[in-house]
Amino acid sequence: MLKMNMIVTVSELNRSARQLLEQNFPLMWIAGEISNLTRAASGHWYFSLKDESASVRCVMFRQKNQLLDWVPLEGMQVEARALVTLYEARGDFQLGVEALRKSGQGAAFEAFLRLKEKLEKAGLFDPERKQAIPPFPKRIGIITSRRAAALHDILKTLERRMPSIPVIIYPAAVQGQDAAEQIASAIAEAARHRVCDTLILARGGGSIEDISAFNSEIVAQAVADCPIPIVCGVGHETDFTIADFVADRRAPTPTGAAELASPNREDLARRLGILHGRLHRMIGHAIESRMQHVDHLARRVVHPKEKMNHQHLHLRHLALRLNASSSRQFEQRLWRVGHLAQRIFKPDLASRRARTEGAGRELHDGILGYFRDSREALQNLETHLGHLNPQSVLARGYSMVQNEAGGIVSDAGQLAVGEKIRITFGKGSVAAEVLSGLP
């Protein structure tokens, strides 16, 4: 603190003034219009912020302005988060800008926070309601603009990781007045078709206005209601949207969303190689274990002589059982033969003769009936054949006309004057020539 009547240098004065300013003015947001913008070769930006009645010099150093994803222009209305300070070398009062945003983003961010709090209370962010992303999807759907660079990045990533997975694109505007409604409609369409296992909701980076559609309640509700797992990849890694919080998985970028939604064939090949090696070792271990088991069984093998003795005793036992069984069967067969012999030597000739005579009569009657039925069928066939015989028709007074080629003439229009014809009657035929009378 400087004291009265103290003589100080200019440097000490400026240093004390800087410290006083920095200690009494906290980091704050300041709104104004950019003017006199200069981008130095060092990468630092120098400009002024002004309103209707005043202006203040500002500096934004390179390590700060590199974090912006947009370029400020002369005359642009902005809000600067800055520290009030003083440039000691010249004694210039200025603002050291830490962050910069377009005017109105503060209100947009507050609206973002209000909607986030509302949806969080409604349970749309609960981990329990989030679905697992299928590790091996059969088909992936992409919801984004057809002209978006993010679509190219996603397709390129899917082609690199797993080109065999089919892709369906559900186009929708990702910024503009109708973007939120189009995105919600595309999600509903994908849910209605249910042909995809996973959906990717994506767009590239931009300002908070550019990605405002993904901060809308209609999109958040559509994502929450979708029965298909959704991976959301909107903007850059530092960008967070309402859709990110509601989605089943959040990816830092569209490329990251494609990586989360698809398996990597190189990783799968590596895993298969590991499993192949493990299987090979397990098979080798199993073979070695079986070999040891064989050695153990070999030690339990009975001596052949002892085994033959056991088999000899078993054969003797079987021989005794066979002899006993043969005796019983012989006795049964002998009794059966005696019974049959009694029946053979005492035949009932009278009944057999009667059965033979009755069968002869039935055979005779059957043969007579067959010939009778055959004769009647033959007569019927002769009658039908007579009706179909053309000669029978001619015998009733009709005649048949043939042309020179022998073809039947049924229409006078088939003949020409002077043409030779043959007319056949019930008996005989004549040759004739057509003179006239044709239609």
Protein backbone atom coordinates (compact mmCIF):
# COMPACT_ATOMS: atom_id res chain seq x y z
CA MET A 1 0.00 0.00 0.00
CA LEU A 2 1.43 3.38 -1.00
CA LYS A 3 1.71 6.05 1.68
CA MET A 4 1.08 9.76 1.40
CA ASN A 5 4.13 11.89 0.43
CA MET A 6 5.94 8.70 -0.67
CA ILE A 7 7.89 9.03 -3.89
CA VAL A 8 7.45 6.00 -6.14
CA THR A 9 8.59 5.01 -9.58
CA VAL A 10 6.24 4.55 -12.51
CA SER A 11 6.77 0.80 -12.38
CA GLU A 12 5.82 0.70 -8.70
CA LEU A 13 2.75 2.79 -9.37
CA ASN A 14 1.57 0.60 -12.22
CA ARG A 15 2.26 -2.58 -10.23
CA SER A 16 0.26 -1.30 -7.25
CA ALA A 17 -2.58 -0.25 -9.54
CA ARG A 18 -2.64 -3.72 -11.17
CA GLN A 19 -2.70 -5.48 -7.82
CA LEU A 20 -5.46 -3.19 -6.59
CA LEU A 21 -7.58 -3.88 -9.65
CA GLU A 22 -7.07 -7.65 -9.58
CA GLN A 23 -7.82 -7.87 -5.85
CA ASN A 24 -11.02 -5.84 -5.98
CA PHE A 25 -12.55 -7.05 -9.25
CA PRO A 26 -13.30 -10.80 -9.41
CA LEU A 27 -13.43 -12.86 -12.58
CA MET A 28 -16.67 -11.77 -14.30
CA TRP A 29 -18.66 -11.90 -17.53
CA ILE A 30 -18.64 -8.67 -19.56
CA ALA A 31 -20.85 -8.08 -22.60
CA GLY A 32 -19.93 -5.86 -25.53
CA GLU A 33 -19.14 -5.54 -29.24
CA ILE A 34 -15.78 -6.56 -30.67
CA SER A 35 -13.80 -3.81 -32.37
CA ASN A 36 -10.18 -3.24 -33.47
CA LEU A 37 -9.57 -7.01 -33.54
CA THR A 38 -5.91 -7.94 -34.16
CA ARG A 39 -4.44 -11.44 -34.33
CA ALA A 40 -0.72 -11.24 -33.55
CA ALA A 41 1.89 -13.54 -35.08
CA SER A 42 2.37 -15.01 -31.60
CA GLY A 43 -1.24 -16.27 -31.68
CA HIS A 44 -2.51 -13.76 -29.10
CA TRP A 45 -5.67 -11.76 -29.85
CA TYR A 46 -6.00 -8.04 -29.09
CA PHE A 47 -9.33 -6.23 -29.38
CA SER A 48 -11.68 -3.82 -27.67
CA LEU A 49 -15.09 -4.40 -26.14
CA LYS A 50 -17.43 -1.46 -26.50
CA ASP A 51 -21.02 -0.43 -25.91
CA GLU A 52 -22.89 2.81 -26.69
CA SER A 53 -20.78 5.00 -24.42
CA ALA A 54 -17.49 3.29 -23.54
CA SER A 55 -14.84 0.79 -24.59
CA VAL A 56 -12.12 -1.25 -22.90
CA ARG A 57 -9.01 -2.93 -24.27
CA CYS A 58 -8.82 -6.73 -24.10
CA VAL A 59 -6.20 -9.42 -24.62
CA MET A 60 -6.84 -13.15 -25.07
CA PHE A 61 -3.67 -15.21 -25.04
CA ARG A 62 -3.03 -18.09 -27.43
CA GLN A 63 -3.46 -20.88 -24.87
CA LYS A 64 -6.94 -19.51 -24.13
CA ASN A 65 -8.21 -18.72 -27.63
CA GLN A 66 -7.14 -22.14 -28.95
CA LEU A 67 -9.98 -23.66 -26.92
CA LEU A 68 -12.62 -21.83 -28.98
CA ASP A 69 -14.36 -23.81 -31.73
CA TRP A 70 -15.45 -20.61 -33.51
CA VAL A 71 -13.69 -17.49 -34.80
CA PRO A 72 -14.72 -14.04 -33.45
CA LEU A 73 -15.25 -11.32 -36.04
CA GLU A 74 -15.27 -7.53 -36.01
CA GLY A 75 -18.61 -6.13 -34.84
CA MET A 76 -19.75 -9.40 -33.22
CA GLN A 77 -21.67 -9.17 -29.95
CA VAL A 78 -19.93 -11.37 -27.38
CA GLU A 79 -19.67 -12.10 -23.67
CA ALA A 80 -16.14 -12.30 -22.24
CA ARG A 81 -15.18 -13.98 -18.98
CA ALA A 82 -12.33 -11.72 -17.97
CA LEU A 83 -10.15 -10.46 -15.15
CA VAL A 84 -9.74 -6.69 -14.75
CA THR A 85 -6.04 -5.87 -14.84
CA LEU A 86 -3.47 -3.32 -15.99
CA TYR A 87 -0.66 -3.72 -18.50
CA GLU A 88 2.22 -2.40 -16.42
CA ALA A 89 4.60 -1.63 -19.32
CA ARG A 90 2.29 1.07 -20.68
CA GLY A 91 -0.09 1.63 -17.82
CA ASP A 92 -3.02 0.50 -20.00
CA PHE A 93 -6.21 -0.53 -18.26
CA GLN A 94 -7.37 -3.80 -19.92
CA LEU A 95 -9.23 -7.07 -19.53
CA GLY A 96 -7.47 -10.43 -19.54
CA VAL A 97 -10.03 -12.66 -21.32
CA GLU A 98 -10.23 -16.27 -20.08
CA ALA A 99 -13.22 -17.44 -22.17
CA LEU A 100 -15.39 -16.00 -24.91
CA ARG A 101 -18.88 -16.83 -26.07
CA LYS A 102 -21.42 -15.35 -28.43
CA SER A 103 -24.04 -13.20 -26.78
CA GLY A 104 -27.11 -15.10 -25.72
CA GLN A 105 -25.23 -18.31 -24.91
CA GLY A 106 -25.59 -17.56 -21.25
CA ALA A 107 -29.39 -17.70 -21.55
CA ALA A 108 -29.14 -20.83 -23.67
CA PHE A 109 -26.95 -22.49 -21.06
CA GLU A 110 -29.40 -21.59 -18.31
CA ALA A 111 -32.22 -23.13 -20.36
CA PHE A 112 -30.02 -26.21 -20.82
CA LEU A 113 -29.54 -26.50 -17.05
CA ARG A 114 -33.27 -26.08 -16.35
CA LEU A 115 -34.23 -28.80 -18.84
CA LYS A 116 -31.47 -31.07 -17.54
CA GLU A 117 -32.77 -30.73 -13.99
CA LYS A 118 -36.37 -31.38 -15.12
CA LEU A 119 -35.51 -34.54 -17.06
CA GLU A 120 -33.23 -35.78 -14.31
CA LYS A 121 -36.09 -35.54 -11.80
CA ALA A 122 -38.33 -37.39 -14.29
CA GLY A 123 -35.86 -40.30 -14.25
CA LEU A 124 -34.70 -40.07 -17.87
CA PHE A 125 -31.04 -40.12 -16.78
CA ASP A 126 -31.35 -43.13 -14.43
CA PRO A 127 -28.72 -45.83 -15.14
CA GLU A 128 -31.33 -48.56 -14.47
CA ARG A 129 -33.34 -47.64 -17.57
CA LYS A 130 -30.35 -47.64 -19.91
CA GLN A 131 -29.99 -50.61 -22.26
CA ALA A 132 -26.83 -52.54 -22.97
CA ILE A 133 -25.27 -52.03 -26.39
CA PRO A 134 -25.20 -55.36 -28.31
CA PRO A 135 -21.58 -56.54 -28.69
CA PHE A 136 -22.31 -58.08 -32.10
CA PRO A 137 -25.13 -56.12 -33.80
CA LYS A 138 -26.72 -57.57 -36.93
CA ARG A 139 -27.62 -54.12 -38.30
CA ILE A 140 -26.78 -50.53 -37.24
CA GLY A 141 -28.97 -47.47 -37.86
CA ILE A 142 -27.51 -43.96 -38.17
CA ILE A 143 -29.61 -40.85 -37.44
CA THR A 144 -27.94 -37.73 -38.84
CA SER A 145 -27.90 -35.47 -41.88
CA ARG A 146 -26.93 -36.99 -45.22
CA ARG A 147 -24.62 -33.99 -45.83
CA ALA A 148 -22.97 -34.13 -42.42
CA ALA A 149 -19.26 -34.81 -42.25
CA ALA A 150 -20.05 -36.92 -39.20
CA LEU A 151 -21.86 -39.43 -41.45
CA HIS A 152 -18.72 -39.92 -43.52
CA ASP A 153 -16.64 -40.41 -40.38
CA ILE A 154 -19.08 -42.98 -38.98
CA LEU A 155 -19.30 -44.97 -42.22
CA LYS A 156 -15.53 -44.92 -42.60
CA THR A 157 -15.08 -46.15 -39.02
CA LEU A 158 -17.65 -48.95 -39.43
CA GLU A 159 -16.00 -49.99 -42.70
CA ARG A 160 -12.64 -50.20 -40.95
CA ARG A 161 -13.88 -52.02 -37.85
CA MET A 162 -16.54 -54.42 -39.17
CA PRO A 163 -17.49 -53.98 -42.86
CA SER A 164 -19.90 -56.96 -42.77
CA ILE A 165 -22.49 -55.10 -40.63
CA PRO A 166 -25.32 -53.61 -42.77
CA VAL A 167 -26.09 -49.93 -42.15
CA ILE A 168 -29.42 -48.10 -42.46
CA ILE A 169 -29.42 -44.28 -42.58
CA TYR A 170 -32.41 -42.40 -41.14
CA PRO A 171 -31.81 -38.86 -42.48
CA ALA A 172 -32.73 -35.83 -40.38
CA ALA A 173 -31.67 -32.21 -40.17
CA VAL A 174 -29.26 -31.77 -37.23
CA GLN A 175 -29.54 -27.99 -36.94
CA GLY A 176 -32.15 -25.40 -37.80
CA GLN A 177 -35.73 -24.68 -36.85
CA ASP A 178 -37.20 -28.12 -37.62
CA ALA A 179 -34.17 -30.18 -36.63
CA ALA A 180 -35.54 -31.39 -33.27
CA GLU A 181 -38.81 -32.62 -34.82
CA GLN A 182 -36.97 -34.38 -37.65
CA ILE A 183 -34.58 -36.11 -35.25
CA ALA A 184 -37.44 -37.29 -33.03
CA SER A 185 -39.35 -38.51 -36.10
CA ALA A 186 -36.30 -40.44 -37.37
CA ILE A 187 -35.88 -42.12 -33.96
CA ALA A 188 -39.58 -43.07 -33.93
CA GLU A 189 -39.31 -44.47 -37.46
CA ALA A 190 -36.32 -46.62 -36.51
CA ALA A 191 -38.20 -47.86 -33.42
CA ARG A 192 -41.25 -48.68 -35.54
CA HIS A 193 -39.30 -50.72 -38.09
CA ARG A 194 -37.20 -52.56 -35.43
CA VAL A 195 -34.70 -53.81 -38.04
CA CYS A 196 -31.61 -52.43 -36.25
CA ASP A 197 -29.93 -53.69 -33.10
CA THR A 198 -28.21 -50.38 -32.36
CA LEU A 199 -28.82 -46.74 -33.31
CA ILE A 200 -26.17 -44.01 -33.61
CA LEU A 201 -27.38 -40.43 -33.04
CA ALA A 202 -24.65 -38.06 -34.21
CA ARG A 203 -23.51 -34.76 -35.63
CA GLY A 204 -20.24 -32.84 -35.73
CA GLY A 205 -19.17 -30.03 -33.44
CA GLY A 206 -20.53 -26.51 -33.38
CA SER A 207 -21.69 -23.70 -31.18
CA ILE A 208 -24.40 -24.13 -28.59
CA GLU A 209 -26.91 -22.80 -31.14
CA ASP A 210 -25.77 -25.36 -33.71
CA ILE A 211 -26.37 -28.31 -31.39
CA SER A 212 -29.51 -26.87 -29.78
CA ALA A 213 -31.72 -29.55 -31.37
CA PHE A 214 -30.00 -32.16 -29.21
CA ASN A 215 -30.83 -30.08 -26.12
CA SER A 216 -34.59 -30.18 -26.81
CA GLU A 217 -37.13 -32.05 -24.75
CA ILE A 218 -38.77 -33.69 -27.78
CA VAL A 219 -35.49 -35.35 -28.78
CA ALA A 220 -34.78 -36.38 -25.18
CA GLN A 221 -38.21 -38.03 -24.89
CA ALA A 222 -37.80 -39.80 -28.25
CA VAL A 223 -34.44 -41.20 -27.13
CA ALA A 224 -35.91 -42.33 -23.80
CA ASP A 225 -38.91 -44.04 -25.49
CA CYS A 226 -36.84 -45.84 -28.12
CA PRO A 227 -36.71 -49.63 -27.50
CA ILE A 228 -33.46 -49.87 -29.49
CA PRO A 229 -30.20 -49.02 -27.66
CA ILE A 230 -28.88 -45.60 -28.74
CA VAL A 231 -25.27 -44.40 -28.79
CA CYS A 232 -25.09 -40.58 -28.88
CA GLY A 233 -22.04 -38.89 -30.36
CA VAL A 234 -22.64 -35.15 -30.76
CA GLY A 235 -19.98 -32.48 -31.15
CA HIS A 236 -16.51 -32.61 -29.65
CA GLU A 237 -15.30 -34.38 -26.55
CA THR A 238 -16.02 -31.32 -24.39
CA ASP A 239 -19.58 -30.90 -25.69
CA PHE A 240 -22.40 -32.33 -23.58
CA THR A 241 -26.05 -32.33 -24.66
CA ILE A 242 -29.31 -33.46 -23.09
CA ALA A 243 -29.39 -36.32 -25.60
CA ASP A 244 -26.02 -37.51 -24.23
CA PHE A 245 -27.48 -37.87 -20.73
CA VAL A 246 -30.62 -39.72 -21.93
CA ALA A 247 -28.90 -42.04 -24.42
CA ASP A 248 -27.85 -45.53 -23.40
CA ARG A 249 -24.21 -44.68 -24.11
CA ARG A 250 -22.47 -41.35 -24.68
CA ALA A 251 -19.54 -41.11 -27.08
CA PRO A 252 -17.17 -38.11 -27.20
CA THR A 253 -17.39 -37.83 -31.01
CA PRO A 254 -19.31 -39.39 -33.93
CA THR A 255 -16.28 -41.57 -34.64
CA GLY A 256 -16.30 -42.68 -31.01
CA ALA A 257 -20.00 -43.56 -31.33
CA ALA A 258 -19.22 -45.82 -34.30
CA GLU A 259 -16.49 -47.49 -32.26
CA LEU A 260 -18.85 -48.09 -29.31
CA ALA A 261 -21.58 -49.50 -31.57
CA SER A 262 -19.46 -51.97 -33.53
CA PRO A 263 -17.00 -54.75 -32.72
CA ASN A 264 -13.45 -54.49 -34.02
CA ARG A 265 -12.54 -57.32 -36.38
CA GLU A 266 -8.86 -56.93 -35.50
CA ASP A 267 -9.67 -57.37 -31.79
CA LEU A 268 -11.86 -60.35 -32.64
CA ALA A 269 -9.09 -61.91 -34.69
CA ARG A 270 -6.69 -61.33 -31.80
CA ARG A 271 -9.13 -62.89 -29.34
CA LEU A 272 -9.64 -65.86 -31.67
CA GLY A 273 -5.88 -66.31 -31.81
CA ILE A 274 -5.73 -66.30 -28.00
CA LEU A 275 -8.61 -68.77 -27.77
CA HIS A 276 -6.98 -70.96 -30.42
CA GLY A 277 -3.79 -71.07 -28.40
CA ARG A 278 -5.72 -71.80 -25.21
CA LEU A 279 -7.66 -74.59 -26.92
CA HIS A 280 -4.44 -76.04 -28.28
CA ARG A 281 -2.95 -76.11 -24.78
CA MET A 282 -6.14 -77.65 -23.33
CA ILE A 283 -6.13 -80.39 -25.97
CA GLY A 284 -2.47 -81.11 -25.27
CA HIS A 285 -3.19 -81.26 -21.54
CA ALA A 286 -6.15 -83.60 -22.16
CA ILE A 287 -4.03 -85.90 -24.30
CA GLU A 288 -1.33 -86.02 -21.65
CA SER A 289 -3.95 -86.74 -18.99
CA ARG A 290 -5.37 -89.60 -21.09
CA MET A 291 -1.89 -90.99 -21.62
CA GLN A 292 -1.35 -91.07 -17.86
CA HIS A 293 -4.73 -92.75 -17.46
CA VAL A 294 -3.71 -95.42 -20.00
CA ASP A 295 -0.52 -96.03 -18.05
CA HIS A 296 -2.60 -96.40 -14.87
CA LEU A 297 -4.93 -98.88 -16.58
CA ALA A 298 -1.97 -100.80 -17.95
CA ARG A 299 -0.83 -101.48 -14.40
CA ARG A 300 -4.26 -102.95 -13.65
CA VAL A 301 -4.25 -105.38 -16.61
CA VAL A 302 -4.74 -109.08 -15.51
CA HIS A 303 -2.10 -111.64 -16.55
CA PRO A 304 -3.24 -113.57 -19.68
CA LYS A 305 -2.88 -116.98 -17.99
CA GLU A 306 -5.06 -115.94 -15.08
CA LYS A 307 -7.58 -114.43 -17.47
CA MET A 308 -7.64 -117.68 -19.51
CA ASN A 309 -8.30 -119.69 -16.33
CA HIS A 310 -11.28 -117.49 -15.51
CA GLN A 311 -12.58 -117.83 -19.07
CA HIS A 312 -12.10 -121.66 -18.95
CA LEU A 313 -14.21 -121.87 -15.80
CA HIS A 314 -16.83 -119.65 -17.37
CA LEU A 315 -16.93 -121.86 -20.48
CA ARG A 316 -17.42 -124.99 -18.36
CA HIS A 317 -20.30 -123.33 -16.59
CA LEU A 318 -21.87 -122.35 -19.90
CA ALA A 319 -21.38 -125.91 -21.24
CA LEU A 320 -23.28 -127.36 -18.29
CA ARG A 321 -26.12 -124.89 -18.82
CA LEU A 322 -26.17 -125.71 -22.54
CA ASN A 323 -26.37 -129.45 -21.94
CA ALA A 324 -29.21 -129.03 -19.47
CA SER A 325 -31.07 -126.74 -21.87
CA SER A 326 -30.55 -129.18 -24.80
CA SER A 327 -31.98 -132.03 -22.76
CA ARG A 328 -35.07 -130.09 -21.89
CA GLN A 329 -35.61 -128.98 -25.49
CA PHE A 330 -35.12 -132.58 -26.74
CA GLU A 331 -37.77 -133.85 -24.35
CA GLN A 332 -40.17 -131.10 -25.44
CA ARG A 333 -39.60 -131.84 -29.12
CA LEU A 334 -40.05 -135.58 -28.53
CA TRP A 335 -43.39 -135.01 -26.83
CA ARG A 336 -44.48 -132.74 -29.68
CA VAL A 337 -43.55 -135.32 -32.32
CA GLY A 338 -45.56 -138.00 -30.50
CA HIS A 339 -48.60 -135.72 -30.40
CA LEU A 340 -48.36 -134.96 -34.10
CA ALA A 341 -47.92 -138.64 -34.93
CA GLN A 342 -51.18 -139.47 -33.21
CA ARG A 343 -52.96 -136.86 -35.32
CA ILE A 344 -51.38 -138.14 -38.58
CA PHE A 345 -52.25 -141.79 -38.12
CA LYS A 346 -55.88 -141.02 -37.15
CA PRO A 347 -57.07 -138.67 -39.95
CA ASP A 348 -60.76 -137.53 -40.32
CA LEU A 349 -61.18 -138.52 -43.99
CA ALA A 350 -64.95 -137.95 -44.18
CA SER A 351 -64.77 -134.28 -43.14
CA ARG A 352 -61.80 -133.60 -45.44
CA ARG A 353 -63.67 -135.16 -48.37
CA ALA A 354 -66.73 -132.98 -47.67
CA ARG A 355 -64.59 -129.83 -47.51
CA THR A 356 -62.89 -130.78 -50.81
CA GLU A 357 -66.20 -131.34 -52.62
CA GLY A 358 -67.63 -128.05 -51.34
CA ALA A 359 -64.54 -126.15 -52.52
CA GLY A 360 -64.86 -127.79 -55.98
CA ARG A 361 -68.47 -126.67 -56.32
CA GLU A 362 -67.57 -123.09 -55.28
CA LEU A 363 -64.76 -123.05 -57.86
CA HIS A 364 -67.08 -124.29 -60.65
CA ASP A 365 -69.75 -121.69 -59.84
CA GLY A 366 -67.15 -118.93 -59.68
CA ILE A 367 -65.73 -119.80 -63.10
CA LEU A 368 -69.23 -119.84 -64.70
CA GLY A 369 -70.03 -116.46 -63.15
CA TYR A 370 -66.77 -114.93 -64.40
CA PHE A 371 -67.44 -116.06 -67.98
CA ARG A 372 -71.03 -114.74 -67.81
CA ASP A 373 -69.91 -111.31 -66.57
CA SER A 374 -67.16 -111.16 -69.21
CA ARG A 375 -69.62 -111.96 -72.02
CA GLU A 376 -72.00 -109.17 -70.94
CA ALA A 377 -69.13 -106.64 -70.72
CA LEU A 378 -67.95 -107.63 -74.22
CA GLN A 379 -71.44 -107.15 -75.65
CA ASN A 380 -71.68 -103.68 -74.08
CA LEU A 381 -68.34 -102.70 -75.60
CA GLU A 382 -69.46 -103.92 -79.05
CA THR A 383 -72.62 -101.80 -78.78
CA HIS A 384 -70.64 -98.63 -77.82
CA LEU A 385 -68.12 -99.33 -80.58
CA GLY A 386 -70.95 -99.62 -83.14
CA HIS A 387 -72.24 -96.20 -82.14
CA LEU A 388 -68.80 -94.68 -82.61
CA ASN A 389 -68.19 -96.34 -86.00
CA PRO A 390 -68.36 -93.71 -88.82
CA GLN A 391 -69.63 -96.38 -91.18
CA SER A 392 -72.79 -96.71 -89.11
CA VAL A 393 -73.47 -92.98 -89.59
CA LEU A 394 -72.94 -93.28 -93.35
CA ALA A 395 -75.32 -96.27 -93.49
CA ARG A 396 -78.12 -93.99 -92.24
CA GLY A 397 -77.85 -91.83 -95.40
CA TYR A 398 -75.05 -89.43 -94.48
CA SER A 399 -71.91 -88.97 -96.59
CA MET A 400 -68.30 -87.87 -95.88
CA VAL A 401 -66.42 -85.37 -98.10
CA GLN A 402 -62.60 -85.43 -98.35
CA ASN A 403 -60.26 -83.07 -100.21
CA GLU A 404 -57.47 -84.23 -102.47
CA ALA A 405 -55.13 -84.55 -99.47
CA GLY A 406 -57.60 -86.89 -97.71
CA GLY A 407 -58.65 -84.34 -95.10
CA ILE A 408 -62.27 -84.24 -93.88
CA VAL A 409 -64.24 -81.25 -95.24
CA SER A 410 -66.73 -79.89 -92.69
CA ASP A 411 -67.21 -76.39 -94.15
CA ALA A 412 -67.89 -75.33 -97.77
CA GLY A 413 -65.49 -72.47 -97.24
CA GLN A 414 -62.64 -75.02 -97.13
CA LEU A 415 -63.11 -75.76 -100.88
CA ALA A 416 -62.39 -73.84 -104.05
CA VAL A 417 -64.17 -74.03 -107.44
CA GLY A 418 -62.58 -76.70 -109.55
CA GLU A 419 -61.08 -78.56 -106.60
CA LYS A 420 -61.24 -82.36 -106.75
CA ILE A 421 -63.06 -84.08 -103.91
CA ARG A 422 -64.11 -87.60 -102.85
CA ILE A 423 -67.59 -88.38 -101.45
CA THR A 424 -67.99 -91.54 -99.36
CA PHE A 425 -71.47 -93.11 -98.82
CA GLY A 426 -72.73 -95.96 -96.69
CA LYS A 427 -71.67 -98.24 -99.57
CA GLY A 428 -68.90 -97.10 -101.92
CA SER A 429 -67.50 -93.66 -102.83
CA VAL A 430 -67.28 -91.37 -105.90
CA ALA A 431 -64.82 -88.68 -107.14
CA ALA A 432 -66.29 -85.23 -107.87
CA GLU A 433 -65.33 -81.68 -108.79
CA VAL A 434 -66.58 -78.50 -107.13
CA LEU A 435 -68.47 -76.41 -109.71
CA SER A 436 -70.20 -73.65 -107.72
CA GLY A 437 -72.31 -72.95 -104.69
CA LEU A 438 -69.48 -71.78 -102.40
CA PRO A 439 -70.19 -68.91 -99.98
